[in-house]
Every structure is written in C-alpha cells, then in structure tokens.
Amino acid sequence: MATVYRRADQLGPGRIDRKRVLRMTEEEIMRTSPPELADLPDDFWKDAVVVEPILKEPISLRVDEDVLAWFRKSGPRYQTRMNAVLRRYMEAMTRKPKRRAAR
C-alpha cells in the first residue's frame, strides 16, 4: 500500500499523522520541533500520564447574545472554553457544603 501524506491543514487542528510521526528519526523530530521545546530537561516527560479525553455530546444550547459574542471574540475553540467554564462551575457546586435548613 502506498504511503499517503497529508498536509497539516488537511488533518484539522490538533491532529497529527501518527504513523508518519512514528517513522520520523530523532533528528527529524528535533529539526521540525518548535524552538521552545529545544531546552526541555531530559526528565521532562518522566512523570507524564496519558489522559483520555472525555467524550463530548453534541447539543443545542441557547445562550445570551452577549455571552456568545464574548466567547467567540476570544478566538477559535471558544466552545471548548465555554465547556471549561461550565465544568469549573459544576466542580465548585459539587464541592460546596450543603446548607442546613433554617429552623
């Protein structure tokens, strides 16, 4: 089977051609890596753990125009940021101690 190469813009944001990357030599990886990765300590990934993404459920959600405009103004992936805000709220409400009923 012939190897099919895809341009990064064909893979979508945050996507990689995993098979191609696994075939790359260490030198190729270093040459094509962003400069900020050049000075990482050797043990940088020592304690790294794989985090499985949480499945998202597509929904229709109605929000105020100004709220949506504010998130959209922050750029691409605004829906991810909206989800993060909702997650923090959920976590905060889950941790909140229950109030006693007034007598």
C-alpha atoms as a PDB file:
ATOM      1  CA  MET A   1       0.000   0.000   0.000  1.00  0.00           C
ATOM      2  CA  ALA A   2       1.318   3.446  -0.925  1.00  0.00           C
ATOM      3  CA  THR A   3       2.041   5.910   1.855  1.00  0.00           C
ATOM      4  CA  VAL A   4      -0.375   8.829   1.809  1.00  0.00           C
ATOM      5  CA  TYR A   5       0.941  12.082   3.237  1.00  0.00           C
ATOM      6  CA  ARG A   6      -1.466  14.742   4.369  1.00  0.00           C
ATOM      7  CA  ARG A   7      -0.743  18.378   4.932  1.00  0.00           C
ATOM      8  CA  ALA A   8      -1.320  19.572   8.493  1.00  0.00           C
ATOM      9  CA  ASP A   9      -4.232  21.760   7.339  1.00  0.00           C
ATOM     10  CA  GLN A  10      -5.959  18.652   5.967  1.00  0.00           C
ATOM     11  CA  LEU A  11      -5.787  16.868   9.326  1.00  0.00           C
ATOM     12  CA  GLY A  12      -7.634  19.546  11.276  1.00  0.00           C
ATOM     13  CA  PRO A  13      -6.488  21.491  14.341  1.00  0.00           C
ATOM     14  CA  GLY A  14      -4.589  19.469  16.911  1.00  0.00           C
ATOM     15  CA  ARG A  15      -4.398  16.407  14.656  1.00  0.00           C
ATOM     16  CA  ILE A  16      -1.280  14.576  13.525  1.00  0.00           C
ATOM     17  CA  ASP A  17      -0.441  11.838  11.074  1.00  0.00           C
ATOM     18  CA  ARG A  18       0.578   9.404  13.824  1.00  0.00           C
ATOM     19  CA  LYS A  19       2.082   6.782  11.501  1.00  0.00           C
ATOM     20  CA  ARG A  20       4.307   9.392   9.850  1.00  0.00           C
ATOM     21  CA  VAL A  21       5.472  10.787  13.188  1.00  0.00           C
ATOM     22  CA  LEU A  22       6.330   7.305  14.467  1.00  0.00           C
ATOM     23  CA  ARG A  23       8.540   6.761  11.403  1.00  0.00           C
ATOM     24  CA  MET A  24      10.464  10.004  11.954  1.00  0.00           C
ATOM     25  CA  THR A  25      14.025   9.877  13.237  1.00  0.00           C
ATOM     26  CA  GLU A  26      15.024  11.744  16.370  1.00  0.00           C
ATOM     27  CA  GLU A  27      16.949  14.213  14.178  1.00  0.00           C
ATOM     28  CA  GLU A  28      13.861  14.921  12.049  1.00  0.00           C
ATOM     29  CA  ILE A  29      11.790  15.494  15.155  1.00  0.00           C
ATOM     30  CA  MET A  30      14.366  17.897  16.617  1.00  0.00           C
ATOM     31  CA  ARG A  31      14.699  19.768  13.306  1.00  0.00           C
ATOM     32  CA  THR A  32      10.942  20.282  12.916  1.00  0.00           C
ATOM     33  CA  SER A  33      10.070  20.937  16.577  1.00  0.00           C
ATOM     34  CA  PRO A  34       9.218  24.431  17.828  1.00  0.00           C
ATOM     35  CA  PRO A  35      12.180  26.295  19.376  1.00  0.00           C
ATOM     36  CA  GLU A  36      10.591  26.339  22.842  1.00  0.00           C
ATOM     37  CA  LEU A  37      10.972  22.545  23.013  1.00  0.00           C
ATOM     38  CA  ALA A  38      14.743  22.654  22.426  1.00  0.00           C
ATOM     39  CA  ASP A  39      15.778  23.241  26.046  1.00  0.00           C
ATOM     40  CA  LEU A  40      13.485  20.828  27.858  1.00  0.00           C
ATOM     41  CA  PRO A  41      15.251  18.844  30.593  1.00  0.00           C
ATOM     42  CA  ASP A  42      15.837  15.165  29.815  1.00  0.00           C
ATOM     43  CA  ASP A  43      13.376  14.089  32.520  1.00  0.00           C
ATOM     44  CA  PHE A  44      10.604  16.466  31.371  1.00  0.00           C
ATOM     45  CA  TRP A  45       8.219  13.640  30.393  1.00  0.00           C
ATOM     46  CA  LYS A  46       9.248  11.282  33.227  1.00  0.00           C
ATOM     47  CA  ASP A  47       6.035  11.722  35.235  1.00  0.00           C
ATOM     48  CA  ALA A  48       3.724  12.240  32.261  1.00  0.00           C
ATOM     49  CA  VAL A  49       0.493  10.273  32.218  1.00  0.00           C
ATOM     50  CA  VAL A  50      -1.904   9.604  29.385  1.00  0.00           C
ATOM     51  CA  VAL A  51      -5.174  11.438  29.897  1.00  0.00           C
ATOM     52  CA  GLU A  52      -8.048  10.031  27.907  1.00  0.00           C
ATOM     53  CA  PRO A  53     -10.319  12.753  26.546  1.00  0.00           C
ATOM     54  CA  ILE A  54     -13.840  12.906  27.886  1.00  0.00           C
ATOM     55  CA  LEU A  55     -16.376  12.249  25.160  1.00  0.00           C
ATOM     56  CA  LYS A  56     -18.401  15.294  24.242  1.00  0.00           C
ATOM     57  CA  GLU A  57     -22.090  15.113  23.490  1.00  0.00           C
ATOM     58  CA  PRO A  58     -23.336  17.442  20.759  1.00  0.00           C
ATOM     59  CA  ILE A  59     -26.268  19.521  21.976  1.00  0.00           C
ATOM     60  CA  SER A  60     -28.192  22.615  21.045  1.00  0.00           C
ATOM     61  CA  LEU A  61     -27.738  25.291  23.695  1.00  0.00           C
ATOM     62  CA  ARG A  62     -29.312  28.718  23.826  1.00  0.00           C
ATOM     63  CA  VAL A  63     -27.157  31.422  25.388  1.00  0.00           C
ATOM     64  CA  ASP A  64     -27.467  35.189  25.568  1.00  0.00           C
ATOM     65  CA  GLU A  65     -26.092  37.033  22.516  1.00  0.00           C
ATOM     66  CA  ASP A  66     -23.548  38.997  24.525  1.00  0.00           C
ATOM     67  CA  VAL A  67     -22.252  35.862  26.256  1.00  0.00           C
ATOM     68  CA  LEU A  68     -21.759  34.088  22.940  1.00  0.00           C
ATOM     69  CA  ALA A  69     -20.129  37.167  21.391  1.00  0.00           C
ATOM     70  CA  TRP A  70     -17.712  37.410  24.322  1.00  0.00           C
ATOM     71  CA  PHE A  71     -16.591  33.789  23.950  1.00  0.00           C
ATOM     72  CA  ARG A  72     -16.370  33.991  20.148  1.00  0.00           C
ATOM     73  CA  LYS A  73     -14.250  37.135  20.423  1.00  0.00           C
ATOM     74  CA  SER A  74     -11.632  35.077  22.283  1.00  0.00           C
ATOM     75  CA  GLY A  75     -10.934  33.141  19.071  1.00  0.00           C
ATOM     76  CA  PRO A  76     -11.072  29.566  17.856  1.00  0.00           C
ATOM     77  CA  ARG A  77     -12.083  26.817  20.275  1.00  0.00           C
ATOM     78  CA  TYR A  78     -14.459  29.142  22.116  1.00  0.00           C
ATOM     79  CA  GLN A  79     -16.825  26.194  22.678  1.00  0.00           C
ATOM     80  CA  THR A  80     -14.028  24.362  24.496  1.00  0.00           C
ATOM     81  CA  ARG A  81     -13.590  27.383  26.770  1.00  0.00           C
ATOM     82  CA  MET A  82     -17.343  27.519  27.395  1.00  0.00           C
ATOM     83  CA  ASN A  83     -17.209  23.855  28.394  1.00  0.00           C
ATOM     84  CA  ALA A  84     -14.278  24.566  30.735  1.00  0.00           C
ATOM     85  CA  VAL A  85     -16.249  27.337  32.472  1.00  0.00           C
ATOM     86  CA  LEU A  86     -19.250  25.045  32.892  1.00  0.00           C
ATOM     87  CA  ARG A  87     -17.010  22.247  34.204  1.00  0.00           C
ATOM     88  CA  ARG A  88     -15.430  24.555  36.830  1.00  0.00           C
ATOM     89  CA  TYR A  89     -18.876  25.686  37.921  1.00  0.00           C
ATOM     90  CA  MET A  90     -20.051  22.074  38.188  1.00  0.00           C
ATOM     91  CA  GLU A  91     -16.968  21.135  40.226  1.00  0.00           C
ATOM     92  CA  ALA A  92     -17.386  24.136  42.527  1.00  0.00           C
ATOM     93  CA  MET A  93     -21.042  23.322  43.134  1.00  0.00           C
ATOM     94  CA  THR A  94     -20.230  19.672  43.777  1.00  0.00           C
ATOM     95  CA  ARG A  95     -17.634  20.571  46.435  1.00  0.00           C
ATOM     96  CA  LYS A  96     -19.827  23.159  48.122  1.00  0.00           C
ATOM     97  CA  PRO A  97     -21.025  22.004  51.568  1.00  0.00           C
ATOM     98  CA  LYS A  98     -24.773  21.578  51.857  1.00  0.00           C
ATOM     99  CA  ARG A  99     -26.542  24.297  53.830  1.00  0.00           C
ATOM    100  CA  ARG A 100     -28.619  23.279  56.787  1.00  0.00           C
ATOM    101  CA  ALA A 101     -32.295  24.065  56.596  1.00  0.00           C
ATOM    102  CA  ALA A 102     -33.264  27.038  58.767  1.00  0.00           C
ATOM    103  CA  ARG A 103     -35.488  26.149  61.739  1.00  0.00           C
END
